[in-house]
Amino acid sequence: GYAPRTHLASDPAYVRVGASWSYVCLPGGLANRQIAGHSVEVGHDTDLVLAAFAAPRFPLTDIQVLRTDRGGGFAGERMERMLAEFGITRSLSRPGSPYDNAVWNPPTVSSGRNSCTTTSARAWNGCART
């Protein structure tokens, strides 16, 4: 029920690259599940997140709400300044509960099976355990 580009969700993930780890941030739209931006870094910090928000091919003022957990990449003064500059409201998960703000469709019973769709790896893992 959201207009495209108005509500995004993001949660950086880590991926193994050779013998080391890299982090990827892919903010996605809740209306159409399209990736709005991207970044890859060796560190999991605010630089990773801000780089992803420098990549969209639309004005950041289109974004109304950003849903995230309370991870360090989404904290700090630089992140707060970016959100304030573009008028973006952040929707945070509750302390100690990263799943309460996850973006996923709850399981539904269809032909005796649970079916789940999601844009969040963490939510998918939780859904897969149902």
Protein backbone atom coordinates (compact mmCIF):
# COMPACT_ATOMS: atom_id res chain seq x y z
CA GLY A 1 0.00 0.00 0.00
CA TYR A 2 2.94 2.43 -0.40
CA ALA A 3 3.83 4.57 -3.38
CA PRO A 4 7.13 3.53 -5.01
CA ARG A 5 10.27 5.03 -3.43
CA THR A 6 8.45 6.40 -0.37
CA HIS A 7 9.12 3.58 2.12
CA LEU A 8 12.45 1.75 2.14
CA ALA A 9 13.93 -0.96 4.34
CA SER A 10 17.55 -1.90 4.77
CA ASP A 11 19.75 -4.20 6.80
CA PRO A 12 23.41 -4.63 5.76
CA ALA A 13 24.54 -8.21 5.30
CA TYR A 14 27.96 -9.81 5.17
CA VAL A 15 29.24 -12.01 2.34
CA ARG A 16 32.37 -14.08 2.10
CA VAL A 17 34.72 -12.92 -0.64
CA GLY A 18 37.70 -15.23 -0.94
CA ALA A 19 39.33 -15.52 2.48
CA SER A 20 37.72 -12.38 3.94
CA TRP A 21 34.32 -10.79 4.54
CA SER A 22 32.67 -7.85 2.85
CA TYR A 23 29.44 -6.09 3.72
CA VAL A 24 26.66 -5.12 1.35
CA CYS A 25 23.86 -2.61 1.89
CA LEU A 26 20.85 -2.79 -0.44
CA PRO A 27 18.01 -0.46 0.59
CA GLY A 28 14.83 -1.79 -0.99
CA GLY A 29 11.42 -0.34 -1.70
CA LEU A 30 8.46 -1.74 0.19
CA ALA A 31 6.03 -0.92 -2.63
CA ASN A 32 7.73 -2.95 -5.34
CA ARG A 33 10.70 -4.63 -3.62
CA GLN A 34 13.14 -2.99 -6.02
CA ILE A 35 16.67 -2.22 -4.85
CA ALA A 36 16.96 1.54 -4.49
CA GLY A 37 20.71 1.78 -3.85
CA HIS A 38 23.75 -0.34 -3.19
CA SER A 39 27.18 -0.31 -1.62
CA VAL A 40 29.88 -2.81 -0.74
CA GLU A 41 32.59 -2.15 1.84
CA VAL A 42 35.04 -4.05 4.00
CA GLY A 43 33.56 -2.42 7.10
CA HIS A 44 30.08 -2.52 8.60
CA ASP A 45 29.60 1.13 9.51
CA THR A 46 27.84 4.35 8.59
CA ASP A 47 30.03 4.77 5.49
CA LEU A 48 28.50 1.60 4.04
CA VAL A 49 24.95 2.86 4.60
CA LEU A 50 25.59 6.42 3.40
CA ALA A 51 27.24 5.11 0.22
CA ALA A 52 24.11 3.06 -0.51
CA PHE A 53 21.99 6.19 -0.15
CA ALA A 54 24.26 8.07 -2.56
CA ALA A 55 23.40 5.55 -5.32
CA PRO A 56 19.61 5.90 -5.96
CA ARG A 57 18.60 7.37 -9.30
CA PHE A 58 15.79 9.37 -7.73
CA PRO A 59 15.75 12.27 -5.26
CA LEU A 60 16.19 11.18 -1.65
CA THR A 61 13.41 13.63 -0.80
CA ASP A 62 11.03 11.01 -2.29
CA ILE A 63 11.79 8.72 0.67
CA GLN A 64 9.40 9.24 3.58
CA VAL A 65 10.27 6.31 5.88
CA LEU A 66 13.34 4.11 6.32
CA ARG A 67 12.80 0.89 8.28
CA THR A 68 15.91 -0.55 9.97
CA ASP A 69 17.13 -2.39 13.00
CA ARG A 70 19.32 -0.61 15.55
CA GLY A 71 22.62 -1.68 14.00
CA GLY A 72 25.65 0.58 14.18
CA GLY A 73 25.55 1.42 10.47
CA PHE A 74 22.27 3.25 11.01
CA ALA A 75 23.38 5.13 14.12
CA GLY A 76 25.40 8.24 14.67
CA GLU A 77 25.42 11.91 13.87
CA ARG A 78 26.21 11.55 10.15
CA MET A 79 23.23 9.25 9.61
CA GLU A 80 20.97 11.58 11.60
CA ARG A 81 22.10 14.55 9.48
CA MET A 82 21.38 12.68 6.23
CA LEU A 83 17.90 11.68 7.39
CA ALA A 84 17.13 15.23 8.59
CA GLU A 85 18.50 16.82 5.42
CA PHE A 86 16.12 14.83 3.22
CA GLY A 87 13.17 14.72 5.63
CA ILE A 88 13.30 10.95 6.08
CA THR A 89 11.63 9.42 9.14
CA ARG A 90 13.34 6.35 10.55
CA SER A 91 11.31 3.43 11.87
CA LEU A 92 13.50 1.47 14.28
CA SER A 93 13.01 -1.95 15.76
CA ARG A 94 12.63 -2.20 19.54
CA PRO A 95 15.83 -2.68 21.56
CA GLY A 96 16.79 -6.35 21.62
CA SER A 97 14.20 -7.30 19.00
CA PRO A 98 15.52 -6.93 15.44
CA TYR A 99 12.62 -8.95 14.00
CA ASP A 100 9.78 -6.63 15.04
CA ASN A 101 10.56 -4.21 12.20
CA ALA A 102 11.46 -6.86 9.63
CA VAL A 103 9.78 -6.63 6.26
CA TRP A 104 8.02 -9.83 5.40
CA ASN A 105 4.61 -11.24 4.69
CA PRO A 106 3.43 -13.51 7.51
CA PRO A 107 3.11 -17.20 6.67
CA THR A 108 -0.18 -18.19 5.11
CA VAL A 109 -1.64 -21.65 4.76
CA SER A 110 -1.97 -22.68 1.13
CA SER A 111 -2.63 -26.31 0.23
CA GLY A 112 -1.44 -27.38 3.67
CA ARG A 113 1.92 -25.57 3.37
CA ASN A 114 3.37 -22.39 4.82
CA SER A 115 4.39 -19.89 2.17
CA CYS A 116 6.59 -16.85 2.87
CA THR A 117 7.94 -13.98 0.86
CA THR A 118 10.40 -11.43 2.18
CA THR A 119 12.98 -8.77 1.38
CA SER A 120 15.04 -9.35 4.52
CA ALA A 121 17.44 -12.24 5.01
CA ARG A 122 16.82 -12.14 8.76
CA ALA A 123 13.06 -12.20 8.28
CA TRP A 124 13.42 -15.03 5.79
CA ASN A 125 15.41 -17.05 8.31
CA GLY A 126 12.69 -16.45 10.89
CA CYS A 127 9.98 -17.31 8.40
CA ALA A 128 11.79 -20.47 7.29
CA ARG A 129 11.69 -21.71 10.88
CA THR A 130 7.88 -21.52 11.08
